[in-house]
């Protein structure tokens, strides 16, 4: 019988945001669905990534697979784009 665990997935992220950055990318973070940082680069601080992750938890869109495609949070000088797959949350700062 399989049981749910809170361990990090053994499947690597589908995208390497360091090796293949998004155009205009200032920073990026990949987190597992439990909020643990798997990869972080550039200007996107872990505290900023954690805040965006908490926003996803607050609205409940991490609970259902396929619940959302992308969330964008825009400020005057920067933008955060967030998406997910079955194992990871991907955050890019532009």
C-alpha atoms as a PDB file:
ATOM      1  CA  UNK A   1       0.000   0.000   0.000  1.00  0.00           C
ATOM      2  CA  UNK A   2       1.389   3.388  -1.004  1.00  0.00           C
ATOM      3  CA  UNK A   3       1.280   6.189   1.509  1.00  0.00           C
ATOM      4  CA  UNK A   4       1.643   9.933   1.130  1.00  0.00           C
ATOM      5  CA  UNK A   5       4.817  11.378   2.571  1.00  0.00           C
ATOM      6  CA  UNK A   6       6.226  14.860   2.923  1.00  0.00           C
ATOM      7  CA  UNK A   7       9.569  13.836   1.409  1.00  0.00           C
ATOM      8  CA  UNK A   8      10.963  15.741  -1.546  1.00  0.00           C
ATOM      9  CA  UNK A   9      10.177  14.177  -4.921  1.00  0.00           C
ATOM     10  CA  UNK A  10      12.847  11.984  -6.483  1.00  0.00           C
ATOM     11  CA  UNK A  11      12.022  13.259  -9.963  1.00  0.00           C
ATOM     12  CA  UNK A  12      14.198  16.224 -10.966  1.00  0.00           C
ATOM     13  CA  UNK A  13      12.499  19.494 -11.955  1.00  0.00           C
ATOM     14  CA  UNK A  14      11.280  19.562 -15.558  1.00  0.00           C
ATOM     15  CA  UNK A  15      13.038  22.884 -16.182  1.00  0.00           C
ATOM     16  CA  UNK A  16      16.447  24.169 -15.095  1.00  0.00           C
ATOM     17  CA  UNK A  17      15.903  27.917 -14.736  1.00  0.00           C
ATOM     18  CA  UNK A  18      19.632  28.536 -14.286  1.00  0.00           C
ATOM     19  CA  UNK A  19      20.761  26.704 -17.423  1.00  0.00           C
ATOM     20  CA  UNK A  20      17.744  27.861 -19.464  1.00  0.00           C
ATOM     21  CA  UNK A  21      16.662  31.261 -18.108  1.00  0.00           C
ATOM     22  CA  UNK A  22      13.499  33.039 -19.193  1.00  0.00           C
ATOM     23  CA  UNK A  23      14.073  36.180 -21.263  1.00  0.00           C
ATOM     24  CA  UNK A  24      14.599  39.114 -18.880  1.00  0.00           C
ATOM     25  CA  UNK A  25      14.982  36.818 -15.866  1.00  0.00           C
ATOM     26  CA  UNK A  26      16.486  38.510 -12.808  1.00  0.00           C
ATOM     27  CA  UNK A  27      16.115  35.549 -10.478  1.00  0.00           C
ATOM     28  CA  UNK A  28      14.381  32.221 -10.045  1.00  0.00           C
ATOM     29  CA  UNK A  29      13.437  29.630  -7.474  1.00  0.00           C
ATOM     30  CA  UNK A  30      12.207  26.077  -7.794  1.00  0.00           C
ATOM     31  CA  UNK A  31      10.435  24.682  -4.733  1.00  0.00           C
ATOM     32  CA  UNK A  32       8.934  21.293  -4.009  1.00  0.00           C
ATOM     33  CA  UNK A  33       5.229  21.261  -3.159  1.00  0.00           C
ATOM     34  CA  UNK A  34       6.104  21.385   0.549  1.00  0.00           C
ATOM     35  CA  UNK A  35       7.870  24.745   0.088  1.00  0.00           C
ATOM     36  CA  UNK A  36      11.454  23.499   0.293  1.00  0.00           C
ATOM     37  CA  UNK A  37      13.812  25.318  -2.078  1.00  0.00           C
ATOM     38  CA  UNK A  38      15.384  22.966  -4.613  1.00  0.00           C
ATOM     39  CA  UNK A  39      17.138  25.573  -6.777  1.00  0.00           C
ATOM     40  CA  UNK A  40      17.599  29.322  -6.329  1.00  0.00           C
ATOM     41  CA  UNK A  41      19.467  31.878  -8.407  1.00  0.00           C
ATOM     42  CA  UNK A  42      19.805  35.573  -9.079  1.00  0.00           C
ATOM     43  CA  UNK A  43      18.014  38.376  -7.287  1.00  0.00           C
ATOM     44  CA  UNK A  44      14.984  36.387  -6.132  1.00  0.00           C
ATOM     45  CA  UNK A  45      15.586  36.024  -2.384  1.00  0.00           C
ATOM     46  CA  UNK A  46      14.360  32.919  -0.550  1.00  0.00           C
ATOM     47  CA  UNK A  47      12.110  35.119   1.623  1.00  0.00           C
ATOM     48  CA  UNK A  48      10.372  36.491  -1.486  1.00  0.00           C
ATOM     49  CA  UNK A  49       9.901  32.980  -2.894  1.00  0.00           C
ATOM     50  CA  UNK A  50       8.505  31.770   0.437  1.00  0.00           C
ATOM     51  CA  UNK A  51       6.020  34.653   0.511  1.00  0.00           C
ATOM     52  CA  UNK A  52       4.776  33.779  -2.990  1.00  0.00           C
ATOM     53  CA  UNK A  53       4.507  30.110  -1.974  1.00  0.00           C
ATOM     54  CA  UNK A  54       2.426  31.130   1.063  1.00  0.00           C
ATOM     55  CA  UNK A  55       0.136  33.114  -1.240  1.00  0.00           C
ATOM     56  CA  UNK A  56      -0.464  29.932  -3.253  1.00  0.00           C
ATOM     57  CA  UNK A  57      -1.256  28.018  -0.074  1.00  0.00           C
ATOM     58  CA  UNK A  58      -3.591  30.758   1.148  1.00  0.00           C
ATOM     59  CA  UNK A  59      -5.752  30.646  -1.971  1.00  0.00           C
ATOM     60  CA  UNK A  60      -5.627  26.848  -2.025  1.00  0.00           C
ATOM     61  CA  UNK A  61      -4.340  26.303  -5.541  1.00  0.00           C
ATOM     62  CA  UNK A  62      -1.525  23.965  -4.543  1.00  0.00           C
ATOM     63  CA  UNK A  63      -3.940  21.347  -3.267  1.00  0.00           C
ATOM     64  CA  UNK A  64      -5.404  20.356  -6.631  1.00  0.00           C
ATOM     65  CA  UNK A  65      -3.245  19.252  -9.528  1.00  0.00           C
ATOM     66  CA  UNK A  66      -4.092  21.275 -12.613  1.00  0.00           C
ATOM     67  CA  UNK A  67      -5.769  23.932 -10.475  1.00  0.00           C
ATOM     68  CA  UNK A  68      -3.869  26.758 -12.133  1.00  0.00           C
ATOM     69  CA  UNK A  69      -1.483  27.379 -14.987  1.00  0.00           C
ATOM     70  CA  UNK A  70       0.217  30.588 -13.953  1.00  0.00           C
ATOM     71  CA  UNK A  71      -0.025  33.360 -11.414  1.00  0.00           C
ATOM     72  CA  UNK A  72       1.628  36.721 -12.041  1.00  0.00           C
ATOM     73  CA  UNK A  73       2.275  39.299  -9.336  1.00  0.00           C
ATOM     74  CA  UNK A  74       3.309  42.656 -10.776  1.00  0.00           C
ATOM     75  CA  UNK A  75       4.805  45.714  -9.146  1.00  0.00           C
ATOM     76  CA  UNK A  76       6.044  48.890 -10.792  1.00  0.00           C
ATOM     77  CA  UNK A  77       9.632  47.669 -11.119  1.00  0.00           C
ATOM     78  CA  UNK A  78       9.394  43.865 -11.066  1.00  0.00           C
ATOM     79  CA  UNK A  79       7.141  40.934 -11.862  1.00  0.00           C
ATOM     80  CA  UNK A  80       6.927  37.417 -10.445  1.00  0.00           C
ATOM     81  CA  UNK A  81       5.542  34.593 -12.565  1.00  0.00           C
ATOM     82  CA  UNK A  82       4.616  31.379 -10.787  1.00  0.00           C
ATOM     83  CA  UNK A  83       3.621  28.023 -12.245  1.00  0.00           C
ATOM     84  CA  UNK A  84       3.749  24.408 -11.144  1.00  0.00           C
ATOM     85  CA  UNK A  85       3.856  20.861 -12.338  1.00  0.00           C
ATOM     86  CA  UNK A  86       3.046  17.664 -10.476  1.00  0.00           C
ATOM     87  CA  UNK A  87       6.126  17.953  -8.199  1.00  0.00           C
ATOM     88  CA  UNK A  88       7.426  21.534  -8.197  1.00  0.00           C
ATOM     89  CA  UNK A  89       6.567  25.224  -8.057  1.00  0.00           C
ATOM     90  CA  UNK A  90       8.586  27.432 -10.445  1.00  0.00           C
ATOM     91  CA  UNK A  91       8.998  31.148  -9.686  1.00  0.00           C
ATOM     92  CA  UNK A  92      10.686  33.607 -12.038  1.00  0.00           C
ATOM     93  CA  UNK A  93      11.418  37.249 -11.271  1.00  0.00           C
ATOM     94  CA  UNK A  94      11.633  39.579 -14.286  1.00  0.00           C
END
